[in-house]
Amino acid sequence: MTKDTNTVEFEVWGNFGLFTDPLTRGGERMSYQLPTYQALVGITSSIYWKPTLIWRIDDLRVMNTIKVESKAIRPLDKNFALDKNTLAYYTYLVQPRYQVRAHFVWNMQRPDLEQDRNAKKHMAIFQRALKAGGREDVFLGTRECQGYVKPISFGTGEGAYDNQGKQLFGTMVHGYNYPDETGDPTFAVRLWTPTMQDGIVHFLAPDQCKIVQPIRKIKNYHWQHPNTMQSVDILYDAMFGGESK
């Protein structure tokens, strides 16, 4: 399986986005100016995902001008108290729209799913799911920010930052190292310093990130039993019926 045979491209957009800076969690949240690698993995997984594969984000193209808007929000009280008039200001991205290029690799930590590694069928299912708007709801960072997806060819159309040169965004979260994907029992967070060149951000691969902060060890991780998961062959047949394979 080569990267060219399992590469996907799509556009995602919405009215608002909130890719939370962890420093503002628990209080008045503020969005990063760009979606994180992990947020884009979540969006791609909402279109189609199985534990057989791992999504890798390659490139992001920012189509709309980066704008923010603050809203007064009444957060859910942790004690579910109805008599508290708490209020916070969340800063959202306004009208975010992106083009995304990604590909998948096999999850080598799941040898029990080796028989499920059929790249052509996974790709066919993804493309059909993408045309339908995804197999699950798409969110731009958080649940109140509904997103929408559609197929596109990466690089087409006019972007707000075409021919605008290089822009820096400082240190931000890249994503997380999950034991079921890395084989390492340590759950960790990755940081990086993205650069946008003419509206395009090229993401580092997870193993290329130099700043990795361990969070905790995860012991006795139990895999999902394969009998509880629908195989790609059965899912493909259910979606495509008698169509040519």
C-alpha atoms as a PDB file:
ATOM      1  CA  MET A   1       0.000   0.000   0.000  1.00  0.00           C
ATOM      2  CA  THR A   2       1.472   3.355  -1.080  1.00  0.00           C
ATOM      3  CA  LYS A   3       0.531   6.813   0.151  1.00  0.00           C
ATOM      4  CA  ASP A   4      -0.873   7.718  -3.264  1.00  0.00           C
ATOM      5  CA  THR A   5      -3.406   4.883  -3.155  1.00  0.00           C
ATOM      6  CA  ASN A   6      -4.825   5.794   0.253  1.00  0.00           C
ATOM      7  CA  THR A   7      -4.820   9.612   0.162  1.00  0.00           C
ATOM      8  CA  VAL A   8      -8.083  11.490   0.712  1.00  0.00           C
ATOM      9  CA  GLU A   9      -8.963  15.140   0.134  1.00  0.00           C
ATOM     10  CA  PHE A  10     -11.978  17.036   1.402  1.00  0.00           C
ATOM     11  CA  GLU A  11     -13.282  20.400   2.507  1.00  0.00           C
ATOM     12  CA  VAL A  12     -14.664  21.091   5.981  1.00  0.00           C
ATOM     13  CA  TRP A  13     -16.461  24.246   7.078  1.00  0.00           C
ATOM     14  CA  GLY A  14     -18.909  25.647   9.594  1.00  0.00           C
ATOM     15  CA  ASN A  15     -20.233  28.823  11.170  1.00  0.00           C
ATOM     16  CA  PHE A  16     -17.903  28.630  14.159  1.00  0.00           C
ATOM     17  CA  GLY A  17     -14.886  26.670  15.381  1.00  0.00           C
ATOM     18  CA  LEU A  18     -13.332  26.261  18.820  1.00  0.00           C
ATOM     19  CA  PHE A  19      -9.971  24.491  18.773  1.00  0.00           C
ATOM     20  CA  THR A  20      -9.271  25.093  22.423  1.00  0.00           C
ATOM     21  CA  ASP A  21      -5.915  26.191  23.711  1.00  0.00           C
ATOM     22  CA  PRO A  22      -5.379  23.899  26.749  1.00  0.00           C
ATOM     23  CA  LEU A  23      -4.207  26.912  28.776  1.00  0.00           C
ATOM     24  CA  THR A  24      -7.779  28.274  28.641  1.00  0.00           C
ATOM     25  CA  ARG A  25      -9.584  25.049  29.542  1.00  0.00           C
ATOM     26  CA  GLY A  26     -11.720  25.218  32.646  1.00  0.00           C
ATOM     27  CA  GLY A  27     -12.327  28.937  32.272  1.00  0.00           C
ATOM     28  CA  GLU A  28     -12.913  31.363  29.454  1.00  0.00           C
ATOM     29  CA  ARG A  29     -11.925  29.300  26.453  1.00  0.00           C
ATOM     30  CA  MET A  30     -10.071  30.702  23.476  1.00  0.00           C
ATOM     31  CA  SER A  31      -9.580  28.997  20.132  1.00  0.00           C
ATOM     32  CA  TYR A  32      -6.274  28.496  18.407  1.00  0.00           C
ATOM     33  CA  GLN A  33      -6.056  30.306  15.091  1.00  0.00           C
ATOM     34  CA  LEU A  34      -5.623  26.950  13.348  1.00  0.00           C
ATOM     35  CA  PRO A  35      -7.146  23.518  13.945  1.00  0.00           C
ATOM     36  CA  THR A  36      -4.781  21.082  15.602  1.00  0.00           C
ATOM     37  CA  TYR A  37      -3.566  17.911  13.943  1.00  0.00           C
ATOM     38  CA  GLN A  38      -5.611  15.913  16.461  1.00  0.00           C
ATOM     39  CA  ALA A  39      -8.776  17.885  15.714  1.00  0.00           C
ATOM     40  CA  LEU A  40      -8.370  17.118  12.005  1.00  0.00           C
ATOM     41  CA  VAL A  41      -7.854  13.443  12.818  1.00  0.00           C
ATOM     42  CA  GLY A  42     -11.161  13.600  14.693  1.00  0.00           C
ATOM     43  CA  ILE A  43     -12.920  15.238  11.742  1.00  0.00           C
ATOM     44  CA  THR A  44     -11.520  12.670   9.302  1.00  0.00           C
ATOM     45  CA  SER A  45     -12.477   9.836  11.663  1.00  0.00           C
ATOM     46  CA  SER A  46     -16.037  11.202  11.800  1.00  0.00           C
ATOM     47  CA  ILE A  47     -16.237  10.683   8.058  1.00  0.00           C
ATOM     48  CA  TYR A  48     -14.968   7.102   8.325  1.00  0.00           C
ATOM     49  CA  TRP A  49     -12.789   5.181  10.771  1.00  0.00           C
ATOM     50  CA  LYS A  50     -12.083   1.676  11.982  1.00  0.00           C
ATOM     51  CA  PRO A  51      -9.486   0.456  14.528  1.00  0.00           C
ATOM     52  CA  THR A  52      -7.764  -1.252  11.602  1.00  0.00           C
ATOM     53  CA  LEU A  53      -6.360   2.053  10.392  1.00  0.00           C
ATOM     54  CA  ILE A  54      -4.827   5.288  11.683  1.00  0.00           C
ATOM     55  CA  TRP A  55      -5.409   8.625   9.963  1.00  0.00           C
ATOM     56  CA  ARG A  56      -2.390  10.808   9.223  1.00  0.00           C
ATOM     57  CA  ILE A  57      -2.968  14.471   8.356  1.00  0.00           C
ATOM     58  CA  ASP A  58      -0.647  15.775   5.650  1.00  0.00           C
ATOM     59  CA  ASP A  59      -1.746  19.285   4.705  1.00  0.00           C
ATOM     60  CA  LEU A  60      -4.251  21.974   5.642  1.00  0.00           C
ATOM     61  CA  ARG A  61      -5.269  24.877   3.420  1.00  0.00           C
ATOM     62  CA  VAL A  62      -6.938  27.850   5.102  1.00  0.00           C
ATOM     63  CA  MET A  63      -9.639  29.126   2.755  1.00  0.00           C
ATOM     64  CA  ASN A  64     -11.279  31.938   4.746  1.00  0.00           C
ATOM     65  CA  THR A  65      -9.717  34.853   6.596  1.00  0.00           C
ATOM     66  CA  ILE A  66      -8.950  33.975  10.220  1.00  0.00           C
ATOM     67  CA  LYS A  67     -11.440  35.938  12.337  1.00  0.00           C
ATOM     68  CA  VAL A  68     -12.580  35.504  15.938  1.00  0.00           C
ATOM     69  CA  GLU A  69     -15.670  36.430  17.905  1.00  0.00           C
ATOM     70  CA  SER A  70     -16.288  36.336  21.650  1.00  0.00           C
ATOM     71  CA  LYS A  71     -19.600  35.049  22.992  1.00  0.00           C
ATOM     72  CA  ALA A  72     -21.045  35.104  26.470  1.00  0.00           C
ATOM     73  CA  ILE A  73     -21.597  31.474  27.473  1.00  0.00           C
ATOM     74  CA  ARG A  74     -23.212  30.001  30.571  1.00  0.00           C
ATOM     75  CA  PRO A  75     -21.078  26.904  31.220  1.00  0.00           C
ATOM     76  CA  LEU A  76     -22.597  23.770  32.717  1.00  0.00           C
ATOM     77  CA  ASP A  77     -21.994  23.895  36.453  1.00  0.00           C
ATOM     78  CA  LYS A  78     -20.083  20.826  37.609  1.00  0.00           C
ATOM     79  CA  ASN A  79     -22.358  20.502  40.622  1.00  0.00           C
ATOM     80  CA  PHE A  80     -25.469  20.959  38.451  1.00  0.00           C
ATOM     81  CA  ALA A  81     -26.513  23.878  40.625  1.00  0.00           C
ATOM     82  CA  LEU A  82     -29.440  25.779  39.138  1.00  0.00           C
ATOM     83  CA  ASP A  83     -29.120  28.825  41.380  1.00  0.00           C
ATOM     84  CA  LYS A  84     -25.656  29.885  40.215  1.00  0.00           C
ATOM     85  CA  ASN A  85     -25.444  32.562  37.547  1.00  0.00           C
ATOM     86  CA  THR A  86     -22.005  31.704  36.168  1.00  0.00           C
ATOM     87  CA  LEU A  87     -20.915  33.335  32.930  1.00  0.00           C
ATOM     88  CA  ALA A  88     -17.834  32.998  30.729  1.00  0.00           C
ATOM     89  CA  TYR A  89     -16.634  34.375  27.412  1.00  0.00           C
ATOM     90  CA  TYR A  90     -15.586  31.879  24.744  1.00  0.00           C
ATOM     91  CA  THR A  91     -13.630  33.128  21.734  1.00  0.00           C
ATOM     92  CA  TYR A  92     -14.599  31.262  18.547  1.00  0.00           C
ATOM     93  CA  LEU A  93     -13.262  31.238  15.017  1.00  0.00           C
ATOM     94  CA  VAL A  94     -15.843  32.722  12.647  1.00  0.00           C
ATOM     95  CA  GLN A  95     -16.746  31.025   9.354  1.00  0.00           C
ATOM     96  CA  PRO A  96     -13.755  28.650   9.316  1.00  0.00           C
ATOM     97  CA  ARG A  97     -13.272  26.760   6.073  1.00  0.00           C
ATOM     98  CA  TYR A  98     -10.421  24.409   5.268  1.00  0.00           C
ATOM     99  CA  GLN A  99      -9.183  21.992   2.653  1.00  0.00           C
ATOM    100  CA  VAL A 100      -7.599  18.864   4.119  1.00  0.00           C
ATOM    101  CA  ARG A 101      -5.302  16.233   2.644  1.00  0.00           C
ATOM    102  CA  ALA A 102      -4.772  13.047   4.655  1.00  0.00           C
ATOM    103  CA  HIS A 103      -3.915   9.377   4.288  1.00  0.00           C
ATOM    104  CA  PHE A 104      -4.232   6.274   6.416  1.00  0.00           C
ATOM    105  CA  VAL A 105      -1.769   3.650   7.595  1.00  0.00           C
ATOM    106  CA  TRP A 106      -2.491   0.290   9.143  1.00  0.00           C
ATOM    107  CA  ASN A 107      -2.603   0.086  12.911  1.00  0.00           C
ATOM    108  CA  MET A 108       0.203  -2.404  13.492  1.00  0.00           C
ATOM    109  CA  GLN A 109      -0.774  -2.661  17.166  1.00  0.00           C
ATOM    110  CA  ARG A 110      -3.823  -4.633  16.015  1.00  0.00           C
ATOM    111  CA  PRO A 111      -2.483  -7.845  14.455  1.00  0.00           C
ATOM    112  CA  ASP A 112      -5.877  -9.400  15.206  1.00  0.00           C
ATOM    113  CA  LEU A 113      -7.324  -7.181  12.450  1.00  0.00           C
ATOM    114  CA  GLU A 114      -4.843  -8.119   9.755  1.00  0.00           C
ATOM    115  CA  GLN A 115      -7.588  -9.746   7.685  1.00  0.00           C
ATOM    116  CA  ASP A 116      -9.372  -6.359   7.645  1.00  0.00           C
ATOM    117  CA  ARG A 117      -6.562  -4.589   5.775  1.00  0.00           C
ATOM    118  CA  ASN A 118      -8.143  -4.055   2.367  1.00  0.00           C
ATOM    119  CA  ALA A 119      -7.117  -0.564   1.264  1.00  0.00           C
ATOM    120  CA  LYS A 120      -9.342  -0.412  -1.825  1.00  0.00           C
ATOM    121  CA  LYS A 121     -12.480  -1.241   0.136  1.00  0.00           C
ATOM    122  CA  HIS A 122     -11.650   1.186   2.932  1.00  0.00           C
ATOM    123  CA  MET A 123     -11.075   3.934   0.372  1.00  0.00           C
ATOM    124  CA  ALA A 124     -14.326   3.181  -1.441  1.00  0.00           C
ATOM    125  CA  ILE A 125     -16.274   3.292   1.815  1.00  0.00           C
ATOM    126  CA  PHE A 126     -14.594   6.567   2.835  1.00  0.00           C
ATOM    127  CA  GLN A 127     -15.432   8.255  -0.469  1.00  0.00           C
ATOM    128  CA  ARG A 128     -19.076   7.220  -0.261  1.00  0.00           C
ATOM    129  CA  ALA A 129     -19.283   8.320   3.376  1.00  0.00           C
ATOM    130  CA  LEU A 130     -17.683  11.667   2.454  1.00  0.00           C
ATOM    131  CA  LYS A 131     -20.282  12.314  -0.244  1.00  0.00           C
ATOM    132  CA  ALA A 132     -22.983  11.629   2.366  1.00  0.00           C
ATOM    133  CA  GLY A 133     -21.482  14.115   4.827  1.00  0.00           C
ATOM    134  CA  GLY A 134     -19.754  11.581   7.072  1.00  0.00           C
ATOM    135  CA  ARG A 135     -20.825   8.528   9.035  1.00  0.00           C
ATOM    136  CA  GLU A 136     -20.887  10.520  12.282  1.00  0.00           C
ATOM    137  CA  ASP A 137     -21.542  14.154  13.169  1.00  0.00           C
ATOM    138  CA  VAL A 138     -18.658  16.472  12.312  1.00  0.00           C
ATOM    139  CA  PHE A 139     -17.552  19.107  14.816  1.00  0.00           C
ATOM    140  CA  LEU A 140     -15.029  21.919  14.480  1.00  0.00           C
ATOM    141  CA  GLY A 141     -13.232  21.421  17.761  1.00  0.00           C
ATOM    142  CA  THR A 142     -16.224  21.148  20.065  1.00  0.00           C
ATOM    143  CA  ARG A 143     -19.760  19.866  19.895  1.00  0.00           C
ATOM    144  CA  GLU A 144     -21.508  23.223  19.653  1.00  0.00           C
ATOM    145  CA  CYS A 145     -19.540  23.965  16.454  1.00  0.00           C
ATOM    146  CA  GLN A 146     -21.263  21.838  13.827  1.00  0.00           C
ATOM    147  CA  GLY A 147     -19.181  21.144  10.737  1.00  0.00           C
ATOM    148  CA  TYR A 148     -19.882  19.963   7.205  1.00  0.00           C
ATOM    149  CA  VAL A 149     -17.712  18.103   4.712  1.00  0.00           C
ATOM    150  CA  LYS A 150     -17.628  17.479   0.985  1.00  0.00           C
ATOM    151  CA  PRO A 151     -15.183  16.069  -1.588  1.00  0.00           C
ATOM    152  CA  ILE A 152     -12.779  18.513  -3.233  1.00  0.00           C
ATOM    153  CA  SER A 153      -9.442  18.479  -5.034  1.00  0.00           C
ATOM    154  CA  PHE A 154      -6.854  19.986  -2.686  1.00  0.00           C
ATOM    155  CA  GLY A 155      -5.558  23.323  -3.969  1.00  0.00           C
ATOM    156  CA  THR A 156      -8.570  24.244  -6.097  1.00  0.00           C
ATOM    157  CA  GLY A 157     -10.438  27.504  -5.626  1.00  0.00           C
ATOM    158  CA  GLU A 158      -9.246  30.804  -4.215  1.00  0.00           C
ATOM    159  CA  GLY A 159      -7.953  30.952  -0.661  1.00  0.00           C
ATOM    160  CA  ALA A 160      -7.719  34.009   1.589  1.00  0.00           C
ATOM    161  CA  TYR A 161      -3.970  33.569   2.088  1.00  0.00           C
ATOM    162  CA  ASP A 162      -2.835  32.616  -1.394  1.00  0.00           C
ATOM    163  CA  ASN A 163       0.490  34.304  -2.216  1.00  0.00           C
ATOM    164  CA  GLN A 164       0.643  35.893   1.248  1.00  0.00           C
ATOM    165  CA  GLY A 165       4.004  34.411   2.205  1.00  0.00           C
ATOM    166  CA  LYS A 166       5.000  32.856   5.511  1.00  0.00           C
ATOM    167  CA  GLN A 167       3.072  33.245   8.768  1.00  0.00           C
ATOM    168  CA  LEU A 168       4.026  31.854  12.187  1.00  0.00           C
ATOM    169  CA  PHE A 169       1.617  30.767  14.916  1.00  0.00           C
ATOM    170  CA  GLY A 170       3.833  29.980  17.899  1.00  0.00           C
ATOM    171  CA  THR A 171       3.839  26.810  19.943  1.00  0.00           C
ATOM    172  CA  MET A 172       0.581  24.859  19.994  1.00  0.00           C
ATOM    173  CA  VAL A 173      -0.687  21.363  20.568  1.00  0.00           C
ATOM    174  CA  HIS A 174      -0.071  18.955  17.702  1.00  0.00           C
ATOM    175  CA  GLY A 175      -1.843  15.855  19.049  1.00  0.00           C
ATOM    176  CA  TYR A 176      -1.701  12.916  21.432  1.00  0.00           C
ATOM    177  CA  ASN A 177       0.188   9.630  21.524  1.00  0.00           C
ATOM    178  CA  TYR A 178      -2.318   6.883  22.298  1.00  0.00           C
ATOM    179  CA  PRO A 179      -1.022   3.500  23.504  1.00  0.00           C
ATOM    180  CA  ASP A 180      -3.323   1.592  21.139  1.00  0.00           C
ATOM    181  CA  GLU A 181      -1.582   3.304  18.196  1.00  0.00           C
ATOM    182  CA  THR A 182       2.031   3.587  19.384  1.00  0.00           C
ATOM    183  CA  GLY A 183       2.472   0.413  21.449  1.00  0.00           C
ATOM    184  CA  ASP A 184       3.953   2.538  24.234  1.00  0.00           C
ATOM    185  CA  PRO A 185       1.882   2.419  27.456  1.00  0.00           C
ATOM    186  CA  THR A 186       2.582   6.131  28.025  1.00  0.00           C
ATOM    187  CA  PHE A 187      -0.196   8.530  27.043  1.00  0.00           C
ATOM    188  CA  ALA A 188       1.536  11.753  25.938  1.00  0.00           C
ATOM    189  CA  VAL A 189       0.866  15.111  24.278  1.00  0.00           C
ATOM    190  CA  ARG A 190       2.878  16.474  21.351  1.00  0.00           C
ATOM    191  CA  LEU A 191       3.657  20.164  20.754  1.00  0.00           C
ATOM    192  CA  TRP A 192       4.975  21.955  17.672  1.00  0.00           C
ATOM    193  CA  THR A 193       5.324  25.395  16.029  1.00  0.00           C
ATOM    194  CA  PRO A 194       3.320  25.464  12.783  1.00  0.00           C
ATOM    195  CA  THR A 195       4.199  27.626   9.802  1.00  0.00           C
ATOM    196  CA  MET A 196       1.682  28.613   7.141  1.00  0.00           C
ATOM    197  CA  GLN A 197       3.106  29.260   3.677  1.00  0.00           C
ATOM    198  CA  ASP A 198       0.696  30.901   1.217  1.00  0.00           C
ATOM    199  CA  GLY A 199      -2.250  29.573   3.199  1.00  0.00           C
ATOM    200  CA  ILE A 200      -0.983  25.984   3.463  1.00  0.00           C
ATOM    201  CA  VAL A 201       0.177  24.257   6.643  1.00  0.00           C
ATOM    202  CA  HIS A 202       2.219  21.089   6.221  1.00  0.00           C
ATOM    203  CA  PHE A 203       1.886  18.922   9.327  1.00  0.00           C
ATOM    204  CA  LEU A 204       4.749  17.027  10.846  1.00  0.00           C
ATOM    205  CA  ALA A 205       4.219  13.298  11.280  1.00  0.00           C
ATOM    206  CA  PRO A 206       3.636  12.384  14.944  1.00  0.00           C
ATOM    207  CA  ASP A 207       7.067  10.758  15.257  1.00  0.00           C
ATOM    208  CA  GLN A 208       8.717  13.957  13.933  1.00  0.00           C
ATOM    209  CA  CYS A 209       7.492  16.147  16.786  1.00  0.00           C
ATOM    210  CA  LYS A 210      10.404  17.060  19.047  1.00  0.00           C
ATOM    211  CA  ILE A 211       8.403  18.249  22.062  1.00  0.00           C
ATOM    212  CA  VAL A 212       6.563  15.350  23.696  1.00  0.00           C
ATOM    213  CA  GLN A 213       5.202  15.615  27.233  1.00  0.00           C
ATOM    214  CA  PRO A 214       4.256  12.332  29.001  1.00  0.00           C
ATOM    215  CA  ILE A 215       0.947  12.504  30.849  1.00  0.00           C
ATOM    216  CA  ARG A 216       0.439   9.088  32.454  1.00  0.00           C
ATOM    217  CA  LYS A 217       0.903   5.374  32.042  1.00  0.00           C
ATOM    218  CA  ILE A 218      -2.076   3.341  30.904  1.00  0.00           C
ATOM    219  CA  LYS A 219      -2.079  -0.213  32.226  1.00  0.00           C
ATOM    220  CA  ASN A 220      -4.000  -3.313  31.190  1.00  0.00           C
ATOM    221  CA  TYR A 221      -5.381  -1.860  27.982  1.00  0.00           C
ATOM    222  CA  HIS A 222      -8.048  -4.211  26.586  1.00  0.00           C
ATOM    223  CA  TRP A 223      -8.597  -4.431  22.839  1.00  0.00           C
ATOM    224  CA  GLN A 224     -12.081  -4.453  21.451  1.00  0.00           C
ATOM    225  CA  HIS A 225     -13.004  -8.051  20.683  1.00  0.00           C
ATOM    226  CA  PRO A 226     -12.952  -8.554  16.894  1.00  0.00           C
ATOM    227  CA  ASN A 227     -16.326 -10.316  16.985  1.00  0.00           C
ATOM    228  CA  THR A 228     -17.960  -7.038  18.013  1.00  0.00           C
ATOM    229  CA  MET A 229     -16.672  -5.207  14.911  1.00  0.00           C
ATOM    230  CA  GLN A 230     -18.081  -5.426  11.408  1.00  0.00           C
ATOM    231  CA  SER A 231     -15.414  -6.472   8.900  1.00  0.00           C
ATOM    232  CA  VAL A 232     -14.631  -4.239   5.935  1.00  0.00           C
ATOM    233  CA  ASP A 233     -15.852  -6.988   3.586  1.00  0.00           C
ATOM    234  CA  ILE A 234     -19.295  -7.123   5.203  1.00  0.00           C
ATOM    235  CA  LEU A 235     -19.540  -3.325   5.401  1.00  0.00           C
ATOM    236  CA  TYR A 236     -18.477  -2.959   1.763  1.00  0.00           C
ATOM    237  CA  ASP A 237     -21.058  -5.493   0.622  1.00  0.00           C
ATOM    238  CA  ALA A 238     -23.751  -3.773   2.641  1.00  0.00           C
ATOM    239  CA  MET A 239     -22.929  -0.357   1.151  1.00  0.00           C
ATOM    240  CA  PHE A 240     -22.212  -1.352  -2.438  1.00  0.00           C
ATOM    241  CA  GLY A 241     -24.310  -4.477  -2.848  1.00  0.00           C
ATOM    242  CA  GLY A 242     -23.629  -6.133  -6.154  1.00  0.00           C
ATOM    243  CA  GLU A 243     -21.498  -3.303  -7.521  1.00  0.00           C
ATOM    244  CA  SER A 244     -18.123  -4.142  -8.985  1.00  0.00           C
ATOM    245  CA  LYS A 245     -15.355  -4.587  -6.376  1.00  0.00           C
END
